[in-house]
Amino acid sequence: GVNPRARDLIEQAAAGRWQNILALPGRIGSAAKSNALVASTDVLFAVYRDFTRVGGVMSKAAPLHQPILVADGYCMADRVRSYGLGACASGSDPAAYAGALRSLVASPPPRAGFERYSTDFSVEQFHEHLIALLRSAAERGSGYRGG
């Protein structure tokens, strides 16, 4: 669970104590509300500890051209770097994250990386890859018969 001090800070942020932080405890009700929140930010803070996969927030951020800050060393960091979507910070040093946030606000990444990410991870691109995979398997006569 979250330590008591962290929980207190999250509750203060959720109550609107700070103008530059938005914290929402719990789930966001709909995709439209989620997209509106992402669009209203200057930088998305998507730092997850020991999270080896890609979070859905990247798919929300890219079409809206919202810079994103992620933890270094995992898949999200690899994609942020390769597409130029924001910044990565390592460790649990708050000063490193604060510096990265300031840098992203002062100098947002170019739009081209966001557009490339959105194209590469679009539903259309997924369908193309899936069809190519199925055709390749059918051409090789993989022997798979289901079940």
Protein backbone atom coordinates (compact mmCIF):
# COMPACT_ATOMS: atom_id res chain seq x y z
CA GLY A 1 0.00 0.00 0.00
CA VAL A 2 0.83 3.67 -0.10
CA ASN A 3 2.62 5.05 2.95
CA PRO A 4 0.59 7.47 5.11
CA ARG A 5 2.63 10.57 4.12
CA ALA A 6 2.21 9.83 0.41
CA ARG A 7 -1.50 9.17 0.86
CA ASP A 8 -1.86 12.52 2.68
CA LEU A 9 -0.12 14.36 -0.19
CA ILE A 10 -2.29 12.61 -2.78
CA GLU A 11 -5.43 13.57 -0.86
CA GLN A 12 -4.25 17.20 -0.66
CA ALA A 13 -3.61 17.25 -4.40
CA ALA A 14 -7.02 15.67 -5.09
CA ALA A 15 -8.63 18.38 -2.94
CA GLY A 16 -7.09 21.03 -5.20
CA ARG A 17 -4.53 22.37 -2.73
CA TRP A 18 -1.97 23.02 -5.47
CA GLN A 19 -2.77 24.80 -8.72
CA ASN A 20 -0.18 22.95 -10.80
CA ILE A 21 -1.03 19.38 -9.76
CA LEU A 22 -4.11 17.36 -10.54
CA ALA A 23 -4.54 14.08 -8.71
CA LEU A 24 -7.57 11.90 -9.10
CA PRO A 25 -7.93 9.03 -6.68
CA GLY A 26 -9.67 6.09 -8.31
CA ARG A 27 -10.64 5.50 -11.91
CA ILE A 28 -11.62 8.09 -14.48
CA GLY A 29 -15.15 7.38 -15.65
CA SER A 30 -14.83 7.39 -19.44
CA ALA A 31 -12.40 7.64 -22.34
CA ALA A 32 -13.75 11.11 -23.16
CA LYS A 33 -13.04 12.35 -19.61
CA SER A 34 -9.60 10.74 -19.68
CA ASN A 35 -8.74 12.36 -23.02
CA ALA A 36 -9.95 15.75 -21.77
CA LEU A 37 -7.73 15.47 -18.69
CA VAL A 38 -4.70 14.45 -20.75
CA ALA A 39 -5.31 17.34 -23.16
CA SER A 40 -5.41 19.80 -20.25
CA THR A 41 -1.92 18.95 -18.99
CA ASP A 42 1.45 20.47 -19.78
CA VAL A 43 3.30 17.22 -19.01
CA LEU A 44 2.06 13.79 -18.03
CA PHE A 45 3.86 12.29 -15.04
CA ALA A 46 3.66 8.56 -15.77
CA VAL A 47 6.37 7.28 -13.47
CA TYR A 48 5.54 3.76 -12.40
CA ARG A 49 7.91 1.73 -10.23
CA ASP A 50 8.83 -1.74 -11.48
CA PHE A 51 6.39 -1.44 -14.38
CA THR A 52 7.93 -3.32 -17.30
CA ARG A 53 5.10 -2.90 -19.80
CA VAL A 54 3.76 0.08 -21.72
CA GLY A 55 1.00 1.99 -20.01
CA GLY A 56 -2.12 3.04 -21.89
CA VAL A 57 -1.34 6.66 -21.06
CA MET A 58 1.21 6.73 -23.89
CA SER A 59 -1.53 5.94 -26.40
CA LYS A 60 -3.57 8.79 -24.97
CA ALA A 61 -0.66 11.26 -24.88
CA ALA A 62 0.68 10.74 -28.40
CA PRO A 63 -2.35 11.85 -30.47
CA LEU A 64 -2.74 14.88 -28.20
CA HIS A 65 0.98 15.76 -28.45
CA GLN A 66 1.34 15.77 -24.66
CA PRO A 67 4.91 15.32 -23.37
CA ILE A 68 5.34 12.45 -20.94
CA LEU A 69 7.78 11.76 -18.13
CA VAL A 70 8.45 8.09 -17.36
CA ALA A 71 10.75 6.02 -15.17
CA ASP A 72 13.97 4.97 -16.86
CA GLY A 73 14.90 1.38 -17.52
CA TYR A 74 11.69 -0.10 -18.87
CA CYS A 75 9.67 -0.38 -22.07
CA MET A 76 8.00 3.02 -21.67
CA ALA A 77 11.43 4.68 -21.40
CA ASP A 78 12.59 2.92 -24.57
CA ARG A 79 9.57 4.21 -26.48
CA VAL A 80 9.78 7.73 -25.05
CA ARG A 81 13.41 7.89 -26.19
CA SER A 82 12.96 6.30 -29.60
CA TYR A 83 9.97 8.46 -30.50
CA GLY A 84 11.02 11.63 -28.67
CA LEU A 85 7.84 11.84 -26.59
CA GLY A 86 9.30 13.37 -23.46
CA ALA A 87 11.87 12.47 -20.84
CA CYS A 88 13.01 9.64 -18.59
CA ALA A 89 14.35 9.94 -15.07
CA SER A 90 15.92 7.20 -13.03
CA GLY A 91 15.82 6.26 -9.42
CA SER A 92 13.59 7.74 -6.79
CA ASP A 93 15.22 11.17 -6.68
CA PRO A 94 12.46 13.81 -6.65
CA ALA A 95 14.94 16.45 -7.86
CA ALA A 96 15.60 14.44 -11.04
CA TYR A 97 11.88 14.24 -11.79
CA ALA A 98 11.34 17.92 -10.98
CA GLY A 99 14.19 18.92 -13.30
CA ALA A 100 12.85 16.74 -16.10
CA LEU A 101 9.35 18.23 -15.67
CA ARG A 102 10.71 21.78 -15.81
CA SER A 103 12.71 20.95 -18.91
CA LEU A 104 9.69 19.47 -20.70
CA VAL A 105 7.52 22.49 -19.87
CA ALA A 106 10.22 24.89 -21.07
CA SER A 107 11.02 22.93 -24.22
CA PRO A 108 8.35 20.44 -25.32
CA PRO A 109 9.35 17.69 -27.76
CA PRO A 110 8.66 18.14 -31.49
CA ARG A 111 5.28 16.99 -32.79
CA ALA A 112 6.74 14.59 -35.36
CA GLY A 113 7.57 11.91 -32.79
CA PHE A 114 4.03 11.95 -31.41
CA GLU A 115 2.59 11.58 -34.89
CA ARG A 116 4.97 8.72 -35.71
CA TYR A 117 4.08 6.93 -32.45
CA SER A 118 0.35 7.38 -33.12
CA THR A 119 0.76 5.89 -36.59
CA ASP A 120 3.00 3.01 -35.52
CA PHE A 121 0.66 1.98 -32.71
CA SER A 122 -2.66 2.63 -34.45
CA VAL A 123 -5.44 0.09 -34.83
CA GLU A 124 -4.81 0.13 -38.58
CA GLN A 125 -1.14 -0.76 -38.08
CA PHE A 126 -2.13 -3.55 -35.69
CA HIS A 127 -4.50 -4.98 -38.31
CA GLU A 128 -1.78 -4.85 -40.98
CA HIS A 129 0.68 -6.70 -38.75
CA LEU A 130 -1.93 -9.27 -37.73
CA ILE A 131 -2.89 -9.97 -41.35
CA ALA A 132 0.78 -10.30 -42.32
CA LEU A 133 1.37 -12.73 -39.47
CA LEU A 134 -1.65 -14.86 -40.38
CA ARG A 135 -0.68 -14.91 -44.06
CA SER A 136 2.87 -15.93 -43.18
CA ALA A 137 1.59 -18.74 -40.96
CA ALA A 138 -0.82 -19.93 -43.66
CA GLU A 139 1.91 -19.89 -46.33
CA ARG A 140 4.20 -21.99 -44.15
CA GLY A 141 1.43 -24.46 -43.40
CA SER A 142 2.08 -24.17 -39.72
CA GLY A 143 -0.06 -27.19 -38.96
CA TYR A 144 -2.00 -25.37 -36.27
CA ARG A 145 -5.61 -26.51 -36.32
CA GLY A 146 -6.91 -24.72 -33.23
CA GLY A 147 -7.81 -26.06 -29.83
